[in-house]
Amino acid sequence: MTQNEKKLLRSLLTKKGRTANQQFLAEGIRLLEESVKHNFLPQKVYFAGHEISPRADRLIKQFIRLGIPIQSISLREMAQIADTATDQGILGLFDMDRIVMDIDNTAEIENDSILLLDNISDPGNAGTLFRSALAFEFNTVAVTSGTVDIFNPKVVRSSAGAVFGLKISAVTTDSLARIKREKKSFLLATDIEGESFSDGLKKLDLINPIILAIGGEAEGLSDKILKLADVRLRIEHSEKVESLNAAVAGSIIMREIYQLRTGSKEK
């Protein structure tokens, strides 16, 4: 590995480096397997030869068959470019442009339901919400400027590879309002002062696309987004806890919407 290549890969551990190069890293067998599953192939794969398992070896052979450049590096070099100490001796270099979409081009959104993350600062919460979004057919994810960098290694890891199956974009309140209007979307917002879960879901429009807005645990949703909401929804729970984790709350709502929609299709 050349010094310039090493410098590039190390820069991708920072948001500044990822933004400048429009690339990111994904570490570990599971994530790279998911990239193949979603046909989101890396530009290059690096592995530490003496550390890989039989499963990783099979994955490397698969990448070779797919024509992906493979490079064996030392354990020391792997430690210098990896974000974790337990990287399983393999990581991939990916281009962002396969994930990032132009939210201003509403044709790209098609009729997808959108998960909107506003002020979600915790990487684990963001990644978990990505995973739930893919599981429950919210195939587009929009993020506001107050949300954690979606290519943060911790976000990518906690998404368990779901990031490779989604369309993701930054969004402003103005562009969100325009998308809502042009796509005739129904905006459902989480709000501790909102309607009860059961009452709010009764008002849900199952025909048109849905925008589900999830706010961070500290700040919640911005006032501008709350004003755009068709329904403000709270999840009722025991008083033994003050509030639900943002990822848990969002996942519960997405599952309920998914069940309502699949049940409606079956009928």
C-alpha atoms as a PDB file:
ATOM      1  CA  MET A   1       0.000   0.000   0.000  1.00  0.00           C
ATOM      2  CA  THR A   2       1.422   3.376  -0.981  1.00  0.00           C
ATOM      3  CA  GLN A   3       1.647   6.245   1.491  1.00  0.00           C
ATOM      4  CA  ASN A   4      -0.848   8.268  -0.568  1.00  0.00           C
ATOM      5  CA  GLU A   5      -3.318   5.371  -0.519  1.00  0.00           C
ATOM      6  CA  LYS A   6      -2.881   4.958   3.220  1.00  0.00           C
ATOM      7  CA  LYS A   7      -3.371   8.690   3.714  1.00  0.00           C
ATOM      8  CA  LEU A   8      -6.603   8.576   1.700  1.00  0.00           C
ATOM      9  CA  LEU A   9      -7.998   5.622   3.645  1.00  0.00           C
ATOM     10  CA  ARG A  10      -7.131   7.164   7.000  1.00  0.00           C
ATOM     11  CA  SER A  11      -8.838  10.404   5.958  1.00  0.00           C
ATOM     12  CA  LEU A  12     -12.060   8.466   5.440  1.00  0.00           C
ATOM     13  CA  LEU A  13     -12.269   7.918   9.197  1.00  0.00           C
ATOM     14  CA  THR A  14     -13.232  11.618   9.417  1.00  0.00           C
ATOM     15  CA  LYS A  15     -16.315  13.387   8.085  1.00  0.00           C
ATOM     16  CA  LYS A  16     -14.107  15.985   6.384  1.00  0.00           C
ATOM     17  CA  GLY A  17     -12.177  13.282   4.533  1.00  0.00           C
ATOM     18  CA  ARG A  18     -15.315  11.397   3.496  1.00  0.00           C
ATOM     19  CA  THR A  19     -16.943  14.576   2.194  1.00  0.00           C
ATOM     20  CA  ALA A  20     -13.851  15.676   0.283  1.00  0.00           C
ATOM     21  CA  ASN A  21     -13.334  12.296  -1.397  1.00  0.00           C
ATOM     22  CA  GLN A  22     -16.984  11.195  -1.626  1.00  0.00           C
ATOM     23  CA  GLN A  23     -15.962   7.756  -0.364  1.00  0.00           C
ATOM     24  CA  PHE A  24     -16.403   5.745   2.826  1.00  0.00           C
ATOM     25  CA  LEU A  25     -15.213   2.496   4.400  1.00  0.00           C
ATOM     26  CA  ALA A  26     -17.169  -0.535   5.581  1.00  0.00           C
ATOM     27  CA  GLU A  27     -15.437  -3.038   7.833  1.00  0.00           C
ATOM     28  CA  GLY A  28     -16.125  -6.679   8.536  1.00  0.00           C
ATOM     29  CA  ILE A  29     -17.537  -9.735   6.829  1.00  0.00           C
ATOM     30  CA  ARG A  30     -21.228  -9.033   7.484  1.00  0.00           C
ATOM     31  CA  LEU A  31     -21.172  -5.563   5.958  1.00  0.00           C
ATOM     32  CA  LEU A  32     -19.319  -6.684   2.851  1.00  0.00           C
ATOM     33  CA  GLU A  33     -21.675  -9.635   2.409  1.00  0.00           C
ATOM     34  CA  GLU A  34     -24.601  -7.213   2.573  1.00  0.00           C
ATOM     35  CA  SER A  35     -22.976  -4.996  -0.051  1.00  0.00           C
ATOM     36  CA  VAL A  36     -22.952  -7.977  -2.428  1.00  0.00           C
ATOM     37  CA  LYS A  37     -26.546  -8.839  -1.527  1.00  0.00           C
ATOM     38  CA  HIS A  38     -27.678  -5.331  -2.491  1.00  0.00           C
ATOM     39  CA  ASN A  39     -25.401  -5.213  -5.548  1.00  0.00           C
ATOM     40  CA  PHE A  40     -23.517  -2.276  -4.053  1.00  0.00           C
ATOM     41  CA  LEU A  41     -19.980  -3.376  -4.782  1.00  0.00           C
ATOM     42  CA  PRO A  42     -16.846  -1.803  -3.309  1.00  0.00           C
ATOM     43  CA  GLN A  43     -14.221  -0.077  -5.413  1.00  0.00           C
ATOM     44  CA  LYS A  44     -11.544  -2.102  -3.654  1.00  0.00           C
ATOM     45  CA  VAL A  45     -11.197  -4.616  -0.823  1.00  0.00           C
ATOM     46  CA  TYR A  46      -8.310  -4.786   1.655  1.00  0.00           C
ATOM     47  CA  PHE A  47      -7.572  -7.778   3.874  1.00  0.00           C
ATOM     48  CA  ALA A  48      -4.939  -8.838   6.390  1.00  0.00           C
ATOM     49  CA  GLY A  49      -4.001 -12.262   5.080  1.00  0.00           C
ATOM     50  CA  HIS A  50      -3.183 -14.015   8.347  1.00  0.00           C
ATOM     51  CA  GLU A  51      -6.347 -12.849  10.108  1.00  0.00           C
ATOM     52  CA  ILE A  52      -9.141 -13.870   7.789  1.00  0.00           C
ATOM     53  CA  SER A  53     -11.573 -16.705   8.513  1.00  0.00           C
ATOM     54  CA  PRO A  54     -12.841 -19.302   6.019  1.00  0.00           C
ATOM     55  CA  ARG A  55     -15.986 -17.186   5.641  1.00  0.00           C
ATOM     56  CA  ALA A  56     -13.892 -14.122   4.783  1.00  0.00           C
ATOM     57  CA  ASP A  57     -11.822 -16.185   2.382  1.00  0.00           C
ATOM     58  CA  ARG A  58     -14.991 -17.247   0.525  1.00  0.00           C
ATOM     59  CA  LEU A  59     -16.062 -13.602   0.373  1.00  0.00           C
ATOM     60  CA  ILE A  60     -12.711 -12.536  -1.086  1.00  0.00           C
ATOM     61  CA  LYS A  61     -12.973 -15.212  -3.768  1.00  0.00           C
ATOM     62  CA  GLN A  62     -16.465 -13.941  -4.573  1.00  0.00           C
ATOM     63  CA  PHE A  63     -15.143 -10.397  -5.002  1.00  0.00           C
ATOM     64  CA  ILE A  64     -12.377 -11.703  -7.266  1.00  0.00           C
ATOM     65  CA  ARG A  65     -14.994 -13.415  -9.461  1.00  0.00           C
ATOM     66  CA  LEU A  66     -16.895 -10.122  -9.589  1.00  0.00           C
ATOM     67  CA  GLY A  67     -13.797  -8.302 -10.770  1.00  0.00           C
ATOM     68  CA  ILE A  68     -13.242  -6.226  -7.612  1.00  0.00           C
ATOM     69  CA  PRO A  69      -9.573  -5.305  -6.945  1.00  0.00           C
ATOM     70  CA  ILE A  70      -8.255  -7.087  -3.840  1.00  0.00           C
ATOM     71  CA  GLN A  71      -5.153  -6.136  -1.852  1.00  0.00           C
ATOM     72  CA  SER A  72      -3.447  -8.011   0.956  1.00  0.00           C
ATOM     73  CA  ILE A  73      -1.976  -5.714   3.603  1.00  0.00           C
ATOM     74  CA  SER A  74      -0.180  -6.201   6.911  1.00  0.00           C
ATOM     75  CA  LEU A  75      -1.899  -6.290  10.285  1.00  0.00           C
ATOM     76  CA  ARG A  76      -0.196  -3.016  11.133  1.00  0.00           C
ATOM     77  CA  GLU A  77      -1.563  -1.356   8.014  1.00  0.00           C
ATOM     78  CA  MET A  78      -5.035  -2.726   8.717  1.00  0.00           C
ATOM     79  CA  ALA A  79      -4.912  -1.290  12.238  1.00  0.00           C
ATOM     80  CA  GLN A  80      -4.000   2.106  10.791  1.00  0.00           C
ATOM     81  CA  ILE A  81      -6.989   2.322   8.438  1.00  0.00           C
ATOM     82  CA  ALA A  82      -9.660   0.439  10.416  1.00  0.00           C
ATOM     83  CA  ASP A  83     -12.067   2.137  12.814  1.00  0.00           C
ATOM     84  CA  THR A  84     -12.338  -0.815  15.196  1.00  0.00           C
ATOM     85  CA  ALA A  85      -9.933  -3.247  16.801  1.00  0.00           C
ATOM     86  CA  THR A  86     -12.187  -6.151  15.797  1.00  0.00           C
ATOM     87  CA  ASP A  87     -12.427  -5.491  12.078  1.00  0.00           C
ATOM     88  CA  GLN A  88     -12.147  -9.208  11.128  1.00  0.00           C
ATOM     89  CA  GLY A  89      -9.207  -8.354   8.902  1.00  0.00           C
ATOM     90  CA  ILE A  90     -11.253  -7.140   5.928  1.00  0.00           C
ATOM     91  CA  LEU A  91     -12.716  -3.831   4.761  1.00  0.00           C
ATOM     92  CA  GLY A  92     -14.094  -2.296   1.591  1.00  0.00           C
ATOM     93  CA  LEU A  93     -13.753   1.113  -0.034  1.00  0.00           C
ATOM     94  CA  PHE A  94     -17.075   2.439  -1.383  1.00  0.00           C
ATOM     95  CA  ASP A  95     -18.257   5.435  -3.396  1.00  0.00           C
ATOM     96  CA  MET A  96     -20.990   7.534  -1.809  1.00  0.00           C
ATOM     97  CA  ASP A  97     -22.781   8.377  -5.032  1.00  0.00           C
ATOM     98  CA  ARG A  98     -24.449   4.972  -5.236  1.00  0.00           C
ATOM     99  CA  ILE A  99     -26.334   5.801  -2.032  1.00  0.00           C
ATOM    100  CA  VAL A 100     -26.795   9.571  -2.057  1.00  0.00           C
ATOM    101  CA  MET A 101     -29.676  10.840  -4.160  1.00  0.00           C
ATOM    102  CA  ASP A 102     -30.756  14.318  -5.166  1.00  0.00           C
ATOM    103  CA  ILE A 103     -33.768  15.014  -2.987  1.00  0.00           C
ATOM    104  CA  ASP A 104     -34.667  17.954  -5.268  1.00  0.00           C
ATOM    105  CA  ASN A 105     -35.262  15.481  -8.091  1.00  0.00           C
ATOM    106  CA  THR A 106     -38.565  14.076  -6.891  1.00  0.00           C
ATOM    107  CA  ALA A 107     -38.588  11.567  -9.760  1.00  0.00           C
ATOM    108  CA  GLU A 108     -35.807   9.693  -7.931  1.00  0.00           C
ATOM    109  CA  ILE A 109     -38.097   9.184  -4.955  1.00  0.00           C
ATOM    110  CA  GLU A 110     -40.767   7.471  -7.063  1.00  0.00           C
ATOM    111  CA  ASN A 111     -43.535   6.548  -4.618  1.00  0.00           C
ATOM    112  CA  ASP A 112     -41.293   5.512  -1.782  1.00  0.00           C
ATOM    113  CA  SER A 113     -42.242   6.093   1.794  1.00  0.00           C
ATOM    114  CA  ILE A 114     -39.618   8.269   3.452  1.00  0.00           C
ATOM    115  CA  LEU A 115     -38.029   8.016   6.877  1.00  0.00           C
ATOM    116  CA  LEU A 116     -36.978  11.500   7.990  1.00  0.00           C
ATOM    117  CA  LEU A 117     -34.290  11.775  10.675  1.00  0.00           C
ATOM    118  CA  ASP A 118     -34.152  15.171  12.372  1.00  0.00           C
ATOM    119  CA  ASN A 119     -31.508  15.906  15.004  1.00  0.00           C
ATOM    120  CA  ILE A 120     -30.620  12.217  15.443  1.00  0.00           C
ATOM    121  CA  SER A 121     -27.117  12.655  16.811  1.00  0.00           C
ATOM    122  CA  ASP A 122     -26.370   9.142  18.076  1.00  0.00           C
ATOM    123  CA  PRO A 123     -24.721   6.925  15.418  1.00  0.00           C
ATOM    124  CA  GLY A 124     -26.208   3.756  16.906  1.00  0.00           C
ATOM    125  CA  ASN A 125     -29.732   5.143  16.727  1.00  0.00           C
ATOM    126  CA  ALA A 126     -29.268   6.309  13.146  1.00  0.00           C
ATOM    127  CA  GLY A 127     -27.905   2.942  12.024  1.00  0.00           C
ATOM    128  CA  THR A 128     -30.670   1.027  13.766  1.00  0.00           C
ATOM    129  CA  LEU A 129     -33.301   3.231  12.126  1.00  0.00           C
ATOM    130  CA  PHE A 130     -31.698   2.557   8.732  1.00  0.00           C
ATOM    131  CA  ARG A 131     -31.983  -1.164   9.384  1.00  0.00           C
ATOM    132  CA  SER A 132     -35.643  -0.888  10.391  1.00  0.00           C
ATOM    133  CA  ALA A 133     -36.381   1.357   7.405  1.00  0.00           C
ATOM    134  CA  LEU A 134     -35.133  -1.296   5.005  1.00  0.00           C
ATOM    135  CA  ALA A 135     -36.979  -4.040   6.876  1.00  0.00           C
ATOM    136  CA  PHE A 136     -40.309  -2.181   6.776  1.00  0.00           C
ATOM    137  CA  GLU A 137     -40.073  -0.745   3.238  1.00  0.00           C
ATOM    138  CA  PHE A 138     -39.189   2.865   3.972  1.00  0.00           C
ATOM    139  CA  ASN A 139     -36.756   2.755   1.074  1.00  0.00           C
ATOM    140  CA  THR A 140     -35.778   6.422   1.116  1.00  0.00           C
ATOM    141  CA  VAL A 141     -34.167   8.083   4.133  1.00  0.00           C
ATOM    142  CA  ALA A 142     -33.872  11.869   4.419  1.00  0.00           C
ATOM    143  CA  VAL A 143     -31.662  13.506   7.036  1.00  0.00           C
ATOM    144  CA  THR A 144     -31.517  17.077   8.295  1.00  0.00           C
ATOM    145  CA  SER A 145     -28.309  18.988   8.951  1.00  0.00           C
ATOM    146  CA  GLY A 146     -28.587  18.270  12.672  1.00  0.00           C
ATOM    147  CA  THR A 147     -28.341  14.502  12.127  1.00  0.00           C
ATOM    148  CA  VAL A 148     -25.128  12.501  12.434  1.00  0.00           C
ATOM    149  CA  ASP A 149     -23.061  11.879   9.284  1.00  0.00           C
ATOM    150  CA  ILE A 150     -24.681   8.864   7.633  1.00  0.00           C
ATOM    151  CA  PHE A 151     -21.284   7.510   6.557  1.00  0.00           C
ATOM    152  CA  ASN A 152     -19.840   7.616  10.066  1.00  0.00           C
ATOM    153  CA  PRO A 153     -18.314   4.123  10.576  1.00  0.00           C
ATOM    154  CA  LYS A 154     -20.495   3.564  13.644  1.00  0.00           C
ATOM    155  CA  VAL A 155     -23.635   4.368  11.637  1.00  0.00           C
ATOM    156  CA  VAL A 156     -22.610   1.999   8.833  1.00  0.00           C
ATOM    157  CA  ARG A 157     -21.848  -0.785  11.331  1.00  0.00           C
ATOM    158  CA  SER A 158     -25.028  -0.408  13.345  1.00  0.00           C
ATOM    159  CA  SER A 159     -27.087  -0.432  10.139  1.00  0.00           C
ATOM    160  CA  ALA A 160     -25.847  -4.030   9.662  1.00  0.00           C
ATOM    161  CA  GLY A 161     -25.433  -3.277   5.953  1.00  0.00           C
ATOM    162  CA  ALA A 162     -28.905  -1.784   5.461  1.00  0.00           C
ATOM    163  CA  VAL A 163     -27.215   1.413   4.296  1.00  0.00           C
ATOM    164  CA  PHE A 164     -26.379  -0.410   1.037  1.00  0.00           C
ATOM    165  CA  GLY A 165     -30.061  -1.010   0.273  1.00  0.00           C
ATOM    166  CA  LEU A 166     -31.409   2.502   0.836  1.00  0.00           C
ATOM    167  CA  LYS A 167     -31.595   5.794  -1.038  1.00  0.00           C
ATOM    168  CA  ILE A 168     -30.393   8.540   1.284  1.00  0.00           C
ATOM    169  CA  SER A 169     -30.297  12.316   1.010  1.00  0.00           C
ATOM    170  CA  ALA A 170     -29.881  15.494   2.992  1.00  0.00           C
ATOM    171  CA  VAL A 171     -33.046  17.558   3.195  1.00  0.00           C
ATOM    172  CA  THR A 172     -34.158  21.036   4.234  1.00  0.00           C
ATOM    173  CA  THR A 173     -37.566  22.004   5.559  1.00  0.00           C
ATOM    174  CA  ASP A 174     -38.339  23.770   2.284  1.00  0.00           C
ATOM    175  CA  SER A 175     -37.476  20.748   0.125  1.00  0.00           C
ATOM    176  CA  LEU A 176     -39.437  18.510   2.484  1.00  0.00           C
ATOM    177  CA  ALA A 177     -42.506  20.729   2.122  1.00  0.00           C
ATOM    178  CA  ARG A 178     -42.178  20.604  -1.662  1.00  0.00           C
ATOM    179  CA  ILE A 179     -41.821  16.804  -1.705  1.00  0.00           C
ATOM    180  CA  LYS A 180     -44.841  16.495   0.560  1.00  0.00           C
ATOM    181  CA  ARG A 181     -46.873  18.672  -1.785  1.00  0.00           C
ATOM    182  CA  GLU A 182     -45.722  17.150  -5.093  1.00  0.00           C
ATOM    183  CA  LYS A 183     -45.939  13.527  -3.949  1.00  0.00           C
ATOM    184  CA  LYS A 184     -49.114  14.109  -1.915  1.00  0.00           C
ATOM    185  CA  SER A 185     -47.326  12.494   0.999  1.00  0.00           C
ATOM    186  CA  PHE A 186     -48.819  12.015   4.459  1.00  0.00           C
ATOM    187  CA  LEU A 187     -46.414  13.322   7.119  1.00  0.00           C
ATOM    188  CA  LEU A 188     -46.515  11.499  10.447  1.00  0.00           C
ATOM    189  CA  ALA A 189     -44.414  13.084  13.206  1.00  0.00           C
ATOM    190  CA  THR A 190     -43.405  11.720  16.584  1.00  0.00           C
ATOM    191  CA  ASP A 191     -44.261  14.125  19.389  1.00  0.00           C
ATOM    192  CA  ILE A 192     -44.663  13.466  23.119  1.00  0.00           C
ATOM    193  CA  GLU A 193     -47.554  15.971  23.065  1.00  0.00           C
ATOM    194  CA  GLY A 194     -49.211  14.258  20.102  1.00  0.00           C
ATOM    195  CA  GLU A 195     -52.222  11.982  19.754  1.00  0.00           C
ATOM    196  CA  SER A 196     -52.258   8.484  21.135  1.00  0.00           C
ATOM    197  CA  PHE A 197     -50.707   5.778  18.991  1.00  0.00           C
ATOM    198  CA  SER A 198     -54.000   4.055  18.180  1.00  0.00           C
ATOM    199  CA  ASP A 199     -55.904   7.277  17.403  1.00  0.00           C
ATOM    200  CA  GLY A 200     -53.115   8.699  15.269  1.00  0.00           C
ATOM    201  CA  LEU A 201     -52.743   5.598  13.122  1.00  0.00           C
ATOM    202  CA  LYS A 202     -56.472   5.611  12.352  1.00  0.00           C
ATOM    203  CA  LYS A 203     -55.903   8.845  10.417  1.00  0.00           C
ATOM    204  CA  LEU A 204     -53.067   7.362   8.388  1.00  0.00           C
ATOM    205  CA  ASP A 205     -53.422   7.607   4.621  1.00  0.00           C
ATOM    206  CA  LEU A 206     -52.356   4.201   3.289  1.00  0.00           C
ATOM    207  CA  ILE A 207     -52.773   5.115  -0.382  1.00  0.00           C
ATOM    208  CA  ASN A 208     -50.233   7.921  -0.748  1.00  0.00           C
ATOM    209  CA  PRO A 209     -46.554   7.821   0.271  1.00  0.00           C
ATOM    210  CA  ILE A 210     -45.786   8.333   3.942  1.00  0.00           C
ATOM    211  CA  ILE A 211     -43.121  10.533   5.497  1.00  0.00           C
ATOM    212  CA  LEU A 212     -42.317   9.408   9.026  1.00  0.00           C
ATOM    213  CA  ALA A 213     -40.375  12.067  10.955  1.00  0.00           C
ATOM    214  CA  ILE A 214     -38.304  10.917  13.930  1.00  0.00           C
ATOM    215  CA  GLY A 215     -36.584  13.468  16.182  1.00  0.00           C
ATOM    216  CA  GLY A 216     -33.604  13.090  18.468  1.00  0.00           C
ATOM    217  CA  GLU A 217     -34.138  12.216  22.107  1.00  0.00           C
ATOM    218  CA  ALA A 218     -32.672  15.496  23.353  1.00  0.00           C
ATOM    219  CA  GLU A 219     -34.238  18.052  20.992  1.00  0.00           C
ATOM    220  CA  GLY A 220     -37.064  16.190  19.288  1.00  0.00           C
ATOM    221  CA  LEU A 221     -38.381  17.400  15.949  1.00  0.00           C
ATOM    222  CA  SER A 222     -37.948  21.013  14.910  1.00  0.00           C
ATOM    223  CA  ASP A 223     -40.986  23.292  15.053  1.00  0.00           C
ATOM    224  CA  LYS A 224     -40.881  23.720  11.258  1.00  0.00           C
ATOM    225  CA  ILE A 225     -41.227  19.985  10.677  1.00  0.00           C
ATOM    226  CA  LEU A 226     -43.946  19.659  13.313  1.00  0.00           C
ATOM    227  CA  LYS A 227     -45.933  22.366  11.511  1.00  0.00           C
ATOM    228  CA  LEU A 228     -45.838  20.288   8.311  1.00  0.00           C
ATOM    229  CA  ALA A 229     -47.201  17.196  10.053  1.00  0.00           C
ATOM    230  CA  ASP A 230     -50.619  15.791   9.174  1.00  0.00           C
ATOM    231  CA  VAL A 231     -50.603  13.818  12.418  1.00  0.00           C
ATOM    232  CA  ARG A 232     -48.476  14.111  15.543  1.00  0.00           C
ATOM    233  CA  LEU A 233     -48.163  10.784  17.269  1.00  0.00           C
ATOM    234  CA  ARG A 234     -46.988   9.632  20.671  1.00  0.00           C
ATOM    235  CA  ILE A 235     -46.340   6.053  21.724  1.00  0.00           C
ATOM    236  CA  GLU A 236     -47.992   5.285  25.043  1.00  0.00           C
ATOM    237  CA  HIS A 237     -45.924   3.303  27.516  1.00  0.00           C
ATOM    238  CA  SER A 238     -45.467   2.643  31.208  1.00  0.00           C
ATOM    239  CA  GLU A 239     -44.604   5.567  33.459  1.00  0.00           C
ATOM    240  CA  LYS A 240     -41.649   3.519  34.693  1.00  0.00           C
ATOM    241  CA  VAL A 241     -39.618   5.092  31.884  1.00  0.00           C
ATOM    242  CA  GLU A 242     -39.635   8.746  30.857  1.00  0.00           C
ATOM    243  CA  SER A 243     -39.358   8.160  27.107  1.00  0.00           C
ATOM    244  CA  LEU A 244     -38.451   5.602  24.470  1.00  0.00           C
ATOM    245  CA  ASN A 245     -35.167   5.494  22.620  1.00  0.00           C
ATOM    246  CA  ALA A 246     -35.581   7.223  19.234  1.00  0.00           C
ATOM    247  CA  ALA A 247     -34.592   4.086  17.318  1.00  0.00           C
ATOM    248  CA  VAL A 248     -37.035   1.952  19.300  1.00  0.00           C
ATOM    249  CA  ALA A 249     -39.898   4.410  18.804  1.00  0.00           C
ATOM    250  CA  GLY A 250     -39.233   4.776  15.092  1.00  0.00           C
ATOM    251  CA  SER A 251     -38.957   1.032  14.594  1.00  0.00           C
ATOM    252  CA  ILE A 252     -42.247   0.391  16.396  1.00  0.00           C
ATOM    253  CA  ILE A 253     -44.091   2.897  14.211  1.00  0.00           C
ATOM    254  CA  MET A 254     -42.542   1.624  10.971  1.00  0.00           C
ATOM    255  CA  ARG A 255     -43.542  -1.929  11.858  1.00  0.00           C
ATOM    256  CA  GLU A 256     -47.132  -0.860  12.568  1.00  0.00           C
ATOM    257  CA  ILE A 257     -47.353   1.011   9.263  1.00  0.00           C
ATOM    258  CA  TYR A 258     -45.853  -1.968   7.450  1.00  0.00           C
ATOM    259  CA  GLN A 259     -48.435  -4.287   8.996  1.00  0.00           C
ATOM    260  CA  LEU A 260     -51.293  -1.940   8.127  1.00  0.00           C
ATOM    261  CA  ARG A 261     -50.115  -1.671   4.540  1.00  0.00           C
ATOM    262  CA  THR A 262     -49.423  -5.363   3.967  1.00  0.00           C
ATOM    263  CA  GLY A 263     -52.738  -6.231   5.601  1.00  0.00           C
ATOM    264  CA  SER A 264     -54.498  -3.738   3.352  1.00  0.00           C
ATOM    265  CA  LYS A 265     -52.878  -5.263   0.238  1.00  0.00           C
ATOM    266  CA  GLU A 266     -53.929  -8.768   1.261  1.00  0.00           C
ATOM    267  CA  LYS A 267     -57.531  -7.636   1.526  1.00  0.00           C
END
